Structures are given as structure tokens and as C-alpha cells.
N, C-alpha and C. Protein backbone atom coordinates (compact mmCIF):
# COMPACT_ATOMS: atom_id res chain seq x y z
N MET A 1 155.43 122.58 90.81
CA MET A 1 156.12 123.68 91.64
C MET A 1 157.44 124.50 91.15
N ALA A 2 157.46 125.75 91.04
CA ALA A 2 158.27 126.67 90.43
C ALA A 2 159.32 126.33 90.89
N ALA A 3 160.52 126.57 89.84
CA ALA A 3 161.76 126.31 90.11
C ALA A 3 162.28 127.48 90.89
N ILE A 4 163.55 127.29 91.57
CA ILE A 4 163.69 128.57 92.30
C ILE A 4 164.74 128.95 91.48
N PRO A 5 164.79 130.47 91.41
CA PRO A 5 165.51 131.44 90.58
C PRO A 5 166.96 131.28 91.11
N LEU A 6 168.14 131.12 89.93
CA LEU A 6 169.81 130.75 90.33
C LEU A 6 170.24 132.25 90.95
N ILE A 7 169.38 133.49 90.43
CA ILE A 7 170.11 134.95 90.83
C ILE A 7 168.07 135.59 91.41
N SER A 8 168.03 135.92 92.69
CA SER A 8 166.94 136.76 93.21
C SER A 8 167.49 138.25 93.84
N ALA A 9 166.98 139.33 93.26
CA ALA A 9 167.13 140.41 93.80
C ALA A 9 166.16 141.22 93.86
N ARG A 10 165.99 141.50 95.39
CA ARG A 10 164.83 142.61 95.41
C ARG A 10 165.26 144.03 96.26
N ASN A 11 164.68 144.64 95.83
CA ASN A 11 165.14 146.67 96.27
C ASN A 11 166.39 146.65 96.40
N LEU A 12 167.27 146.42 95.50
CA LEU A 12 168.29 145.90 95.59
C LEU A 12 169.43 147.47 96.01
N THR A 13 170.16 147.87 96.67
CA THR A 13 170.74 149.62 96.51
C THR A 13 171.81 149.30 97.04
N LYS A 14 172.58 149.81 96.32
CA LYS A 14 174.35 150.56 96.77
C LYS A 14 174.50 152.04 96.61
N VAL A 15 175.03 152.56 97.37
CA VAL A 15 175.46 153.58 97.95
C VAL A 15 176.48 154.44 98.19
N TYR A 16 177.34 154.54 97.38
CA TYR A 16 178.82 155.28 97.57
C TYR A 16 178.94 156.58 98.05
N ALA A 17 179.44 156.94 99.09
CA ALA A 17 180.12 158.33 99.68
C ALA A 17 180.72 158.69 98.39
N MET A 18 181.16 159.87 97.75
CA MET A 18 181.63 160.34 97.00
C MET A 18 181.80 162.26 97.28
N GLY A 19 183.27 162.43 97.92
CA GLY A 19 183.22 163.85 98.10
C GLY A 19 182.41 164.78 99.18
N GLY A 20 181.86 163.82 100.07
CA GLY A 20 180.66 164.07 101.05
C GLY A 20 179.27 164.17 100.41
N GLU A 21 179.24 163.58 99.33
CA GLU A 21 177.92 163.16 98.57
C GLU A 21 177.27 161.89 98.57
N GLU A 22 176.50 161.46 98.63
CA GLU A 22 175.86 160.13 98.57
C GLU A 22 175.90 160.05 96.96
N VAL A 23 176.12 158.95 96.27
CA VAL A 23 175.87 158.58 94.94
C VAL A 23 175.03 156.95 94.92
N ARG A 24 174.15 157.37 94.64
CA ARG A 24 173.49 155.79 94.30
C ARG A 24 173.31 154.89 93.20
N ALA A 25 174.49 154.12 93.11
CA ALA A 25 175.09 153.44 91.98
C ALA A 25 173.45 152.41 91.56
N LEU A 26 173.13 151.85 92.80
CA LEU A 26 171.80 151.33 92.41
C LEU A 26 170.63 151.50 92.91
N ASP A 27 169.28 151.98 92.84
CA ASP A 27 168.35 152.61 93.22
C ASP A 27 167.38 151.58 93.17
N GLY A 28 167.01 150.39 93.61
CA GLY A 28 165.76 149.80 94.13
C GLY A 28 165.80 148.33 92.99
N VAL A 29 166.72 147.78 92.45
CA VAL A 29 166.52 146.57 91.28
C VAL A 29 165.97 145.66 92.07
N SER A 30 164.90 145.15 91.50
CA SER A 30 164.34 144.05 91.44
C SER A 30 164.06 143.08 90.34
N LEU A 31 164.64 141.59 90.63
CA LEU A 31 164.45 140.84 89.13
C LEU A 31 164.71 139.58 89.49
N THR A 32 164.66 138.34 88.82
CA THR A 32 165.16 137.18 89.10
C THR A 32 165.97 137.02 88.00
N ILE A 33 166.86 135.82 87.64
CA ILE A 33 167.98 135.36 87.00
C ILE A 33 167.60 133.53 86.86
N ASN A 34 166.89 132.74 85.97
CA ASN A 34 167.16 131.69 86.26
C ASN A 34 168.21 130.76 85.74
N SER A 35 168.29 129.57 86.01
CA SER A 35 169.45 128.61 85.39
C SER A 35 169.18 128.56 84.03
N GLY A 36 170.35 128.82 83.50
CA GLY A 36 170.73 128.49 81.91
C GLY A 36 169.95 129.75 81.20
N ASP A 37 169.48 130.78 82.08
CA ASP A 37 169.95 131.93 81.00
C ASP A 37 170.58 132.78 80.19
N TYR A 38 170.55 133.19 79.43
CA TYR A 38 171.64 134.03 78.92
C TYR A 38 170.93 135.84 78.94
N VAL A 39 171.93 136.19 79.71
CA VAL A 39 171.06 137.91 79.92
C VAL A 39 172.56 138.95 79.45
N ALA A 40 172.29 139.88 78.58
CA ALA A 40 173.17 141.03 78.30
C ALA A 40 172.63 142.41 79.57
N VAL A 41 173.50 142.84 79.92
CA VAL A 41 173.35 144.22 81.11
C VAL A 41 173.69 145.14 79.92
N THR A 42 172.86 146.15 79.97
CA THR A 42 173.32 147.27 78.91
C THR A 42 172.96 148.76 79.82
N GLY A 43 173.77 149.57 79.42
CA GLY A 43 173.68 151.01 79.63
C GLY A 43 174.28 152.16 79.85
N ALA A 44 174.57 153.30 79.33
CA ALA A 44 175.19 154.05 79.45
C ALA A 44 176.35 154.19 80.77
N SER A 45 177.45 154.65 80.50
CA SER A 45 178.48 154.58 81.83
C SER A 45 177.99 155.78 83.09
N GLY A 46 178.05 154.85 84.38
CA GLY A 46 177.12 155.41 85.24
C GLY A 46 175.75 155.09 85.53
N SER A 47 175.49 153.97 84.32
CA SER A 47 173.76 153.43 85.21
C SER A 47 173.41 152.61 85.75
N GLY A 48 174.75 151.97 86.59
CA GLY A 48 174.52 150.83 87.12
C GLY A 48 174.56 149.03 86.76
N LYS A 49 175.45 149.27 85.60
CA LYS A 49 175.66 147.75 85.08
C LYS A 49 176.72 147.63 86.07
N SER A 50 177.71 147.62 85.84
CA SER A 50 179.13 147.19 86.52
C SER A 50 179.03 146.90 87.91
N THR A 51 178.00 148.00 88.70
CA THR A 51 177.58 148.02 90.01
C THR A 51 177.17 146.67 90.32
N PHE A 52 176.04 146.29 89.44
CA PHE A 52 175.05 145.19 89.71
C PHE A 52 175.85 143.92 88.99
N MET A 53 176.81 143.75 88.36
CA MET A 53 177.50 142.53 88.23
C MET A 53 178.48 142.88 89.34
N ASN A 54 178.80 143.67 89.92
CA ASN A 54 179.92 143.28 90.98
C ASN A 54 179.12 142.97 92.38
N LEU A 55 178.13 143.29 92.48
CA LEU A 55 177.28 142.44 93.68
C LEU A 55 176.84 141.16 93.62
N LEU A 56 176.47 140.69 91.71
CA LEU A 56 176.34 139.49 91.72
C LEU A 56 177.36 138.45 91.88
N GLY A 57 178.50 139.23 91.51
CA GLY A 57 179.95 138.13 91.67
C GLY A 57 180.34 138.29 92.72
N ALA A 58 179.69 138.78 94.19
CA ALA A 58 180.32 139.22 95.28
C ALA A 58 181.60 139.97 95.38
N LEU A 59 181.95 140.72 94.29
CA LEU A 59 183.42 141.20 94.83
C LEU A 59 183.10 142.73 95.33
N ASP A 60 181.78 143.05 95.86
CA ASP A 60 181.15 144.08 96.17
C ASP A 60 179.92 143.73 97.51
N ARG A 61 179.44 144.67 98.30
CA ARG A 61 178.16 144.39 98.96
C ARG A 61 177.28 144.71 98.76
N PRO A 62 175.95 144.92 98.41
CA PRO A 62 174.96 145.95 98.68
C PRO A 62 174.84 146.48 99.39
N THR A 63 174.32 147.75 99.75
CA THR A 63 173.91 148.58 100.93
C THR A 63 172.29 148.99 101.41
N GLY A 64 171.53 148.05 100.60
CA GLY A 64 170.33 147.46 100.88
C GLY A 64 169.40 146.50 100.23
N GLY A 65 168.76 146.19 100.50
CA GLY A 65 167.80 144.98 99.79
C GLY A 65 168.63 143.41 100.06
N HIS A 66 167.89 142.96 99.14
CA HIS A 66 168.32 141.48 99.12
C HIS A 66 168.69 141.08 97.73
N LEU A 67 169.83 139.95 98.21
CA LEU A 67 170.57 139.32 96.95
C LEU A 67 170.71 137.98 97.57
N SER A 68 170.09 136.67 96.87
CA SER A 68 170.81 135.58 96.97
C SER A 68 171.41 134.71 95.23
N VAL A 69 171.91 134.22 95.78
CA VAL A 69 172.58 133.73 94.07
C VAL A 69 172.67 132.03 94.51
N GLY A 70 172.14 131.31 93.92
CA GLY A 70 172.61 129.84 94.30
C GLY A 70 171.84 129.28 95.33
N GLY A 71 170.92 130.31 95.95
CA GLY A 71 170.14 129.98 97.60
C GLY A 71 171.24 130.48 98.38
N GLU A 72 171.99 130.93 98.01
CA GLU A 72 173.11 131.66 99.03
C GLU A 72 172.66 133.13 99.40
N ASP A 73 172.39 133.66 100.94
CA ASP A 73 171.80 134.87 100.56
C ASP A 73 173.11 135.68 100.95
N LEU A 74 173.47 136.37 100.56
CA LEU A 74 175.57 136.86 100.10
C LEU A 74 174.98 137.74 100.91
N SER A 75 174.18 138.16 101.85
CA SER A 75 174.37 139.50 103.15
C SER A 75 174.86 138.57 103.98
N GLU A 76 174.57 137.66 104.24
CA GLU A 76 175.03 136.55 105.10
C GLU A 76 176.13 135.94 105.23
N ILE A 77 176.69 135.75 104.26
CA ILE A 77 178.09 134.89 104.03
C ILE A 77 179.19 135.91 104.83
N GLU A 78 179.98 135.43 105.56
CA GLU A 78 180.77 136.16 106.72
C GLU A 78 181.67 136.97 105.19
N PRO A 79 182.76 137.67 105.24
CA PRO A 79 183.45 138.46 104.22
C PRO A 79 184.62 137.72 104.04
N GLY A 80 185.50 137.27 105.36
CA GLY A 80 186.25 136.03 105.02
C GLY A 80 185.77 134.65 103.91
N ASN A 81 184.51 134.57 103.94
CA ASN A 81 184.08 133.13 102.99
C ASN A 81 183.64 133.37 101.52
N LEU A 82 183.43 135.38 101.34
CA LEU A 82 182.94 135.62 99.84
C LEU A 82 184.00 135.09 98.90
N ALA A 83 185.72 134.67 99.27
CA ALA A 83 186.08 134.25 97.85
C ALA A 83 186.32 132.83 97.60
N GLY A 84 185.92 132.11 98.50
CA GLY A 84 185.34 130.21 98.30
C GLY A 84 183.98 130.73 97.58
N PHE A 85 183.14 131.57 98.21
CA PHE A 85 181.76 131.54 97.13
C PHE A 85 182.09 131.42 95.79
N ARG A 86 182.99 132.86 95.78
CA ARG A 86 183.30 133.13 94.25
C ARG A 86 183.98 131.90 93.58
N ASN A 87 184.58 131.14 94.03
CA ASN A 87 185.67 130.56 93.08
C ASN A 87 184.80 128.81 92.97
N GLN A 88 183.61 129.17 93.80
CA GLN A 88 183.02 127.99 93.46
C GLN A 88 181.77 128.03 93.16
N MET A 89 181.14 129.34 92.39
CA MET A 89 180.20 129.60 91.83
C MET A 89 179.88 130.54 90.86
N VAL A 90 181.08 131.07 90.81
CA VAL A 90 181.18 132.31 89.47
C VAL A 90 182.53 132.02 88.49
N GLY A 91 182.21 131.94 87.54
CA GLY A 91 183.22 132.58 86.42
C GLY A 91 183.53 133.84 85.95
N PHE A 92 184.69 134.66 86.09
CA PHE A 92 184.61 136.02 85.73
C PHE A 92 185.54 136.00 84.31
N VAL A 93 185.15 136.50 83.16
CA VAL A 93 185.72 137.26 82.29
C VAL A 93 185.65 138.66 82.05
N PHE A 94 187.01 139.24 81.85
CA PHE A 94 187.12 140.86 81.62
C PHE A 94 187.75 141.06 80.31
N GLN A 95 187.57 142.59 80.44
CA GLN A 95 187.87 143.04 78.98
C GLN A 95 189.27 142.93 78.56
N GLN A 96 189.74 143.06 79.82
CA GLN A 96 191.20 142.85 79.72
C GLN A 96 192.12 141.51 79.72
N PHE A 97 191.49 140.33 79.46
CA PHE A 97 192.15 139.50 80.23
C PHE A 97 192.66 138.98 81.06
N ASN A 98 193.15 139.80 82.11
CA ASN A 98 194.09 139.46 83.38
C ASN A 98 194.72 138.30 83.35
N LEU A 99 195.65 137.86 82.43
CA LEU A 99 196.34 136.69 82.63
C LEU A 99 197.51 137.13 83.07
N LEU A 100 198.14 135.90 83.60
CA LEU A 100 199.70 136.55 84.13
C LEU A 100 200.87 136.18 82.83
N ALA A 101 201.27 136.95 82.83
CA ALA A 101 202.43 136.84 81.88
C ALA A 101 203.47 136.31 81.55
N ARG A 102 203.94 135.77 82.77
CA ARG A 102 204.86 134.80 82.44
C ARG A 102 204.85 133.57 83.22
N THR A 103 203.25 133.41 83.09
CA THR A 103 202.72 132.00 83.07
C THR A 103 201.94 131.38 81.77
N THR A 104 202.50 130.09 81.75
CA THR A 104 201.61 129.40 80.32
C THR A 104 200.08 129.48 80.36
N ALA A 105 199.93 129.27 79.10
CA ALA A 105 198.23 129.12 78.92
C ALA A 105 197.40 128.26 80.39
N VAL A 106 198.12 126.88 80.18
CA VAL A 106 198.04 125.66 81.15
C VAL A 106 197.72 126.33 82.56
N ASP A 107 198.71 127.01 82.81
CA ASP A 107 198.80 127.54 84.03
C ASP A 107 197.93 128.54 84.75
N ASN A 108 197.93 129.00 83.41
CA ASN A 108 196.57 130.40 83.65
C ASN A 108 195.37 129.43 84.20
N VAL A 109 195.25 128.91 83.14
CA VAL A 109 193.71 128.16 83.33
C VAL A 109 193.60 127.42 84.71
N ALA A 110 194.65 127.03 85.38
CA ALA A 110 194.59 126.10 86.39
C ALA A 110 194.67 126.67 88.20
N LEU A 111 195.17 128.01 87.92
CA LEU A 111 194.96 129.08 89.08
C LEU A 111 194.13 129.00 89.91
N PRO A 112 192.42 128.87 89.46
CA PRO A 112 191.68 128.78 90.59
C PRO A 112 191.55 127.67 90.99
N LEU A 113 192.09 126.58 90.42
CA LEU A 113 192.10 125.23 91.21
C LEU A 113 193.03 125.10 92.28
N LEU A 114 193.98 126.24 92.10
CA LEU A 114 195.07 126.03 93.03
C LEU A 114 194.76 126.15 94.00
N TYR A 115 193.66 127.80 94.15
CA TYR A 115 193.25 128.47 95.02
C TYR A 115 192.53 127.46 95.94
N ALA A 116 191.42 126.60 95.27
CA ALA A 116 190.72 125.72 95.85
C ALA A 116 191.31 124.63 96.44
N GLY A 117 192.62 124.33 96.58
CA GLY A 117 193.19 122.88 96.98
C GLY A 117 193.27 121.71 96.28
N ILE A 118 193.19 122.23 95.02
CA ILE A 118 193.30 120.63 94.23
C ILE A 118 194.59 120.42 93.54
N ASP A 119 195.10 119.34 93.52
CA ASP A 119 196.23 118.95 93.80
C ASP A 119 196.90 119.07 91.93
N SER A 120 197.88 119.15 91.95
CA SER A 120 198.64 119.54 90.82
C SER A 120 198.48 118.83 89.64
N ALA A 121 198.40 117.45 89.47
CA ALA A 121 197.68 116.48 88.04
C ALA A 121 196.39 116.65 88.08
N GLU A 122 195.84 116.90 89.34
CA GLU A 122 194.17 117.25 88.63
C GLU A 122 194.00 118.39 88.11
N ARG A 123 194.87 119.24 88.67
CA ARG A 123 194.80 120.94 87.98
C ARG A 123 195.36 120.76 86.60
N ARG A 124 196.23 120.11 86.03
CA ARG A 124 196.51 120.15 85.01
C ARG A 124 195.86 119.33 84.13
N LYS A 125 195.18 118.27 84.43
CA LYS A 125 194.09 117.83 83.89
C LYS A 125 192.59 118.52 83.38
N LYS A 126 192.10 119.44 84.16
CA LYS A 126 191.03 119.91 83.96
C LYS A 126 191.12 121.08 83.35
N ALA A 127 192.44 121.76 83.82
CA ALA A 127 192.96 122.93 82.75
C ALA A 127 193.11 122.64 81.15
N ILE A 128 193.97 121.49 80.82
CA ILE A 128 193.97 120.95 79.66
C ILE A 128 192.56 120.60 78.73
N ALA A 129 191.49 119.88 79.83
CA ALA A 129 190.45 120.05 79.20
C ALA A 129 189.53 121.23 78.61
N CYS A 130 189.85 122.42 79.56
CA CYS A 130 189.22 123.20 79.34
C CYS A 130 189.33 124.27 78.17
N LEU A 131 191.28 124.08 78.41
CA LEU A 131 191.53 125.20 76.95
C LEU A 131 191.53 124.04 75.18
N LYS A 132 191.28 122.87 75.57
CA LYS A 132 190.74 122.08 74.19
C LYS A 132 189.34 122.21 74.14
N LEU A 133 188.61 122.44 75.06
CA LEU A 133 186.98 122.97 74.99
C LEU A 133 186.95 123.99 73.88
N LEU A 134 188.10 125.22 74.11
CA LEU A 134 187.68 126.46 73.73
C LEU A 134 188.73 126.02 72.82
N GLY A 135 189.25 125.04 72.11
CA GLY A 135 190.00 125.01 70.62
C GLY A 135 191.43 125.62 70.71
N LEU A 136 192.20 125.54 72.23
CA LEU A 136 193.46 125.70 72.41
C LEU A 136 194.49 124.89 72.80
N GLY A 137 193.85 123.72 72.22
CA GLY A 137 194.68 122.28 72.49
C GLY A 137 196.62 122.76 72.28
N ASP A 138 196.25 123.30 71.36
CA ASP A 138 197.65 123.26 70.51
C ASP A 138 198.62 124.57 71.46
N ARG A 139 198.14 125.27 71.94
CA ARG A 139 199.16 126.11 72.71
C ARG A 139 198.71 126.23 74.44
N LEU A 140 198.80 124.98 74.60
CA LEU A 140 199.04 125.00 76.12
C LEU A 140 200.36 125.67 76.72
N GLY A 141 201.22 125.57 76.59
CA GLY A 141 202.43 126.27 76.78
C GLY A 141 202.54 127.57 76.32
N HIS A 142 201.94 127.56 76.02
CA HIS A 142 202.59 129.46 75.09
C HIS A 142 202.03 130.03 76.78
N HIS A 143 202.71 131.39 76.15
CA HIS A 143 202.37 132.62 77.14
C HIS A 143 201.63 133.18 76.39
N PRO A 144 200.70 134.64 77.49
CA PRO A 144 199.65 135.34 76.57
C PRO A 144 200.70 136.17 75.15
N SER A 145 201.97 136.74 75.80
CA SER A 145 202.68 137.02 74.73
C SER A 145 202.70 136.71 73.28
N GLN A 146 202.78 135.42 73.64
CA GLN A 146 202.55 134.67 72.45
C GLN A 146 201.42 134.01 71.43
N LEU A 147 200.48 134.75 71.90
CA LEU A 147 198.57 134.41 71.57
C LEU A 147 198.24 135.94 71.49
N SER A 148 197.15 135.76 70.28
CA SER A 148 196.43 136.57 69.70
C SER A 148 195.54 137.27 71.21
N GLY A 149 194.86 138.48 70.51
CA GLY A 149 194.04 138.93 71.95
C GLY A 149 192.52 138.03 71.91
N GLY A 150 191.93 137.32 70.80
CA GLY A 150 191.11 136.06 70.91
C GLY A 150 191.61 135.36 71.33
N GLN A 151 192.61 134.48 71.54
CA GLN A 151 193.19 133.31 71.77
C GLN A 151 193.35 133.63 73.57
N GLN A 152 193.72 134.68 73.70
CA GLN A 152 193.97 135.25 75.05
C GLN A 152 192.78 135.35 75.50
N GLN A 153 192.06 135.81 75.26
CA GLN A 153 190.14 135.92 75.66
C GLN A 153 189.53 134.62 75.85
N ARG A 154 190.00 133.72 74.86
CA ARG A 154 189.70 132.14 75.19
C ARG A 154 190.50 131.42 76.08
N VAL A 155 191.52 131.58 76.47
CA VAL A 155 192.38 131.94 77.69
C VAL A 155 191.48 131.90 79.12
N ALA A 156 191.48 133.30 79.43
CA ALA A 156 190.32 133.79 80.17
C ALA A 156 189.16 132.74 80.30
N ILE A 157 188.41 132.53 79.39
CA ILE A 157 187.07 131.87 79.22
C ILE A 157 187.59 130.57 80.02
N ALA A 158 188.58 130.05 79.31
CA ALA A 158 188.61 128.99 80.16
C ALA A 158 188.92 128.45 81.56
N ARG A 159 189.77 129.73 81.89
CA ARG A 159 189.92 129.87 83.33
C ARG A 159 188.53 130.01 84.06
N ALA A 160 187.77 130.80 83.46
CA ALA A 160 186.90 130.94 84.31
C ALA A 160 185.79 129.81 84.36
N LEU A 161 185.90 129.00 83.10
CA LEU A 161 185.08 127.81 82.87
C LEU A 161 185.79 126.51 84.18
N VAL A 162 186.95 126.58 84.62
CA VAL A 162 187.63 125.26 85.06
C VAL A 162 187.43 124.82 86.17
N ASN A 163 186.51 125.33 87.65
CA ASN A 163 185.84 125.38 88.25
C ASN A 163 184.48 124.74 88.01
N ASP A 164 183.75 124.50 87.01
CA ASP A 164 182.54 124.09 86.96
C ASP A 164 181.45 125.07 87.32
N PRO A 165 181.91 126.61 86.93
CA PRO A 165 180.88 127.32 87.75
C PRO A 165 179.42 127.20 87.24
N SER A 166 177.96 127.69 88.44
CA SER A 166 176.67 128.16 87.77
C SER A 166 176.73 128.95 86.56
N ILE A 167 177.68 130.04 87.44
CA ILE A 167 177.25 131.62 86.58
C ILE A 167 178.64 131.79 85.70
N LEU A 168 178.54 131.97 84.67
CA LEU A 168 179.72 133.02 84.37
C LEU A 168 179.44 134.31 83.94
N LEU A 169 180.17 135.13 84.86
CA LEU A 169 179.79 136.77 84.23
C LEU A 169 180.97 137.28 83.18
N ALA A 170 180.60 138.01 82.44
CA ALA A 170 181.78 138.56 81.59
C ALA A 170 181.61 140.29 81.72
N ASP A 171 182.50 140.91 81.89
CA ASP A 171 182.51 142.38 81.52
C ASP A 171 183.25 142.78 80.60
N GLU A 172 182.41 143.48 79.56
CA GLU A 172 183.07 143.70 78.17
C GLU A 172 183.92 142.66 77.31
N PRO A 173 183.30 141.70 77.33
CA PRO A 173 184.13 140.82 76.74
C PRO A 173 185.01 140.98 75.80
N THR A 174 184.40 141.98 74.52
CA THR A 174 184.72 142.18 73.41
C THR A 174 185.36 143.30 73.33
N GLY A 175 185.07 144.54 74.45
CA GLY A 175 185.86 145.43 74.47
C GLY A 175 187.53 145.50 73.74
N ALA A 176 188.17 144.67 73.95
CA ALA A 176 189.51 144.70 73.62
C ALA A 176 190.27 143.97 72.24
N LEU A 177 189.14 143.70 71.17
CA LEU A 177 188.80 142.95 70.47
C LEU A 177 188.56 143.27 68.99
N ASP A 178 189.29 143.10 68.13
CA ASP A 178 188.63 143.38 66.73
C ASP A 178 186.99 142.89 66.15
N THR A 179 186.56 143.24 65.48
CA THR A 179 185.07 142.69 64.95
C THR A 179 184.79 141.88 64.83
N GLN A 180 185.77 140.89 64.17
CA GLN A 180 186.10 139.29 63.28
C GLN A 180 186.24 138.59 64.87
N THR A 181 187.24 138.95 65.85
CA THR A 181 187.51 138.11 66.73
C THR A 181 186.56 138.38 67.85
N SER A 182 185.63 139.23 68.14
CA SER A 182 184.44 139.55 68.64
C SER A 182 183.56 138.63 68.42
N THR A 183 183.30 138.10 66.97
CA THR A 183 182.35 137.80 66.40
C THR A 183 182.39 136.07 66.69
N GLU A 184 183.91 135.84 67.20
CA GLU A 184 184.17 134.48 67.31
C GLU A 184 184.23 134.28 68.90
N ILE A 185 184.20 135.05 69.89
CA ILE A 185 184.48 134.89 71.31
C ILE A 185 182.71 134.89 71.13
N MET A 186 182.10 135.75 70.70
CA MET A 186 180.88 135.62 71.12
C MET A 186 179.97 134.15 70.78
N ALA A 187 180.36 133.32 69.39
CA ALA A 187 180.16 132.32 69.28
C ALA A 187 180.37 131.61 70.57
N VAL A 188 181.25 131.50 71.10
CA VAL A 188 181.98 130.65 72.50
C VAL A 188 180.80 131.03 73.18
N PHE A 189 180.64 131.82 73.98
CA PHE A 189 179.43 132.23 74.64
C PHE A 189 177.81 131.81 74.32
N ASP A 190 177.75 131.72 72.94
CA ASP A 190 176.25 131.14 72.70
C ASP A 190 176.37 129.71 72.81
N LYS A 191 177.76 129.09 72.40
CA LYS A 191 177.85 127.59 72.76
C LYS A 191 177.58 127.07 74.55
N LEU A 192 178.02 128.11 74.94
CA LEU A 192 178.53 127.79 76.19
C LEU A 192 176.94 127.53 77.21
N ASN A 193 176.41 128.62 76.45
CA ASN A 193 174.99 128.80 76.86
C ASN A 193 174.16 127.42 76.69
N ALA A 194 174.33 127.34 75.34
CA ALA A 194 173.75 125.97 74.63
C ALA A 194 173.71 124.94 75.25
N ASP A 195 175.02 124.77 76.05
CA ASP A 195 175.20 124.12 76.80
C ASP A 195 174.94 123.41 78.25
N GLY A 196 173.90 124.39 78.45
CA GLY A 196 173.54 124.76 79.59
C GLY A 196 174.01 125.72 80.85
N ILE A 197 175.15 126.65 80.26
CA ILE A 197 175.72 127.49 81.55
C ILE A 197 175.26 128.84 81.46
N THR A 198 174.66 129.40 82.41
CA THR A 198 173.92 130.66 82.89
C THR A 198 175.13 131.56 82.60
N ILE A 199 174.62 132.70 81.78
CA ILE A 199 175.80 133.72 81.22
C ILE A 199 175.07 135.16 81.34
N ILE A 200 175.80 135.74 81.71
CA ILE A 200 175.35 137.38 82.17
C ILE A 200 176.51 137.87 81.63
N LEU A 201 176.27 139.17 80.81
CA LEU A 201 177.29 139.40 80.20
C LEU A 201 177.13 141.10 80.28
N VAL A 202 177.92 142.32 80.95
CA VAL A 202 177.78 143.51 80.80
C VAL A 202 178.72 143.85 78.88
N THR A 203 177.55 145.05 78.50
CA THR A 203 178.12 145.37 77.16
C THR A 203 177.94 146.50 76.74
N HIS A 204 178.26 147.48 75.98
CA HIS A 204 177.78 148.70 75.70
C HIS A 204 177.38 148.60 74.25
N GLU A 205 177.81 147.35 73.54
CA GLU A 205 177.36 147.08 71.90
C GLU A 205 176.69 145.98 71.85
N GLN A 206 175.43 146.91 71.12
CA GLN A 206 173.98 146.19 70.69
C GLN A 206 174.12 144.98 70.01
N GLU A 207 175.32 144.90 69.27
CA GLU A 207 175.55 143.88 68.34
C GLU A 207 176.19 142.56 69.34
N VAL A 208 176.38 142.61 70.41
CA VAL A 208 176.61 141.85 71.14
C VAL A 208 175.93 141.65 72.46
N ALA A 209 174.91 142.70 73.00
CA ALA A 209 173.80 142.34 73.65
C ALA A 209 172.71 141.28 72.90
N ASP A 210 173.10 141.47 71.44
CA ASP A 210 171.86 140.82 70.65
C ASP A 210 171.99 139.52 70.96
N HIS A 211 172.85 138.73 71.02
CA HIS A 211 173.41 137.34 71.26
C HIS A 211 172.71 136.27 72.41
N ALA A 212 172.41 137.99 73.28
CA ALA A 212 171.66 137.59 74.53
C ALA A 212 170.10 137.05 74.16
N ARG A 213 169.47 136.28 75.10
CA ARG A 213 168.17 136.05 74.90
C ARG A 213 167.31 136.96 75.68
N ARG A 214 167.72 137.67 76.49
CA ARG A 214 167.23 138.94 77.74
C ARG A 214 168.28 139.74 77.49
N GLN A 215 167.40 140.94 77.83
CA GLN A 215 168.36 142.43 77.73
C GLN A 215 168.01 143.09 79.27
N LEU A 216 168.78 143.63 79.91
CA LEU A 216 168.33 144.39 81.10
C LEU A 216 168.99 145.73 80.65
N VAL A 217 168.17 146.94 80.70
CA VAL A 217 168.80 148.20 80.00
C VAL A 217 168.81 148.97 81.33
N PHE A 218 169.78 149.37 81.97
CA PHE A 218 170.14 150.27 83.11
C PHE A 218 169.88 151.60 82.87
N ARG A 219 169.18 152.29 83.79
CA ARG A 219 169.81 153.72 83.58
C ARG A 219 169.39 154.32 85.14
N ASP A 220 170.29 155.18 85.51
CA ASP A 220 170.02 156.24 86.91
C ASP A 220 170.18 154.94 87.96
N GLY A 221 171.00 153.67 87.77
CA GLY A 221 170.95 152.93 88.80
C GLY A 221 169.53 152.24 89.08
N ARG A 222 168.45 152.03 88.18
CA ARG A 222 167.49 151.03 87.88
C ARG A 222 167.32 150.59 86.61
N VAL A 223 166.63 149.67 86.57
CA VAL A 223 166.34 148.67 85.23
C VAL A 223 165.21 149.62 84.46
N LEU A 224 165.85 149.90 83.55
CA LEU A 224 164.60 150.68 82.58
C LEU A 224 164.01 149.73 81.65
N GLU A 225 164.37 148.59 81.43
CA GLU A 225 163.72 147.96 80.30
C GLU A 225 164.36 146.51 80.79
N ASP A 226 163.80 145.44 80.71
CA ASP A 226 163.87 144.01 81.03
C ASP A 226 163.16 143.21 79.99
N ARG A 227 163.86 143.38 78.46
CA ARG A 227 163.03 142.62 77.49
C ARG A 227 163.70 141.00 76.75
N SER A 228 163.07 140.43 76.42
CA SER A 228 162.93 139.35 75.59
C SER A 228 163.54 139.59 74.20
């Protein structure tokens, strides 16, 4: 029996109304992504890649078509339950880190667990474990301003992992980093995928995309290429 895909999109569309006109950000995207895949989503600005990522992470809802993630039909989840779905299923990594400036590394990482209702001792235990996994065991009490860009992104990755998500979504994760630090961060993603975590990253840098085993090239809201 064939395995059920982790992500299944069929004829997925997303239309925005802008200035009285309709803009089709996604125009009939159909694809599947399996558990353990390592996928790079590329394309020019306005090609639909960020819209696709937002739909996968339940940050936005499709206008038409079908999208299921982890066996859940996202169109059938009540709006009030989407945050819970995101917190359990998806870890997010962003270009600008999005860390709380006045909060230590360990408390930044523990934040999703607070939203999940986990008690403080368990939150701290899991946050420390994730930071040690990312090589930041000696930076637990540091604030973002005391960390380099690469260290801040590692904290952000640890925060994305703390809830044991099925999918790690990364939006231009090296966009704010220099070349050497970008290489180090991509080595982190490579290891996480080797450990079994499904990774989907949006990037405009071919060097970053080449780390993935599969590349989706978007143009005008459609998948132009799907290559291994």
C-alpha cells in the first residue's frame, strides 16, 4: 500500500483583490510532498512561492482547490483551531529571526510550549534540549542582542523544533546572513532532514536550493518545474 502523502494539493488557487482587480497568486497548483522530503521552493518575486508557503502553514486559506496537511483538510478546520494546528504540526523559521529582544534564548525557544499549555519546568527542559541540539548550550541566558546573526537563527530554528513538528517551513532562512554563516545554517537544515524532519524552504538563492533533494520552481502562480 502506498504511503499517504504528508502534504497533498489539488488544483490549489489563491486570489487576492487588489485595487478592484483580481490577482491570482496561485493558479491551479497540484502536487504531493511525502514525510521526510527536503524541498526548496524557488521563483521570482510574485511567482507564488510565499503564498504557497503561507497556505501550507495555515497562515492563509486557499480560494479554491484542496489542501491537506498531515491528513487534515485545512478547509475543514475551524478558523479558531488553526493556531492549534500550526503549533502542533508546523515549525516556522523566518529571514528576520522574529525573536523577542528582551527575552533570553531559552525563553524565546520555550514560547510555543507556553501557548500549548506546557508547565514551566517541562518548557525549560525541552527548550534547553533544543538549544543544545543546535550547539547553543552555552548561550541559554543570552538575549538576541548578545548573539550573532547565525546564533539568532539557530535560536529561531530551536524554537521551531521545540514542539516536535512534522514539518519545518523556512522562508528565506539565510537571507539576513553572510555567506559563511549561511553555509553553517544550511548544514543544520541538512542534518535535521537526515534525522527525518520534513523541510520545505522558500529561497531565491540557488546555492541554498541545491541543498534540497527536490526543487519546485514557481512562475505566475504555477509550478513551472518539479525536479529532483
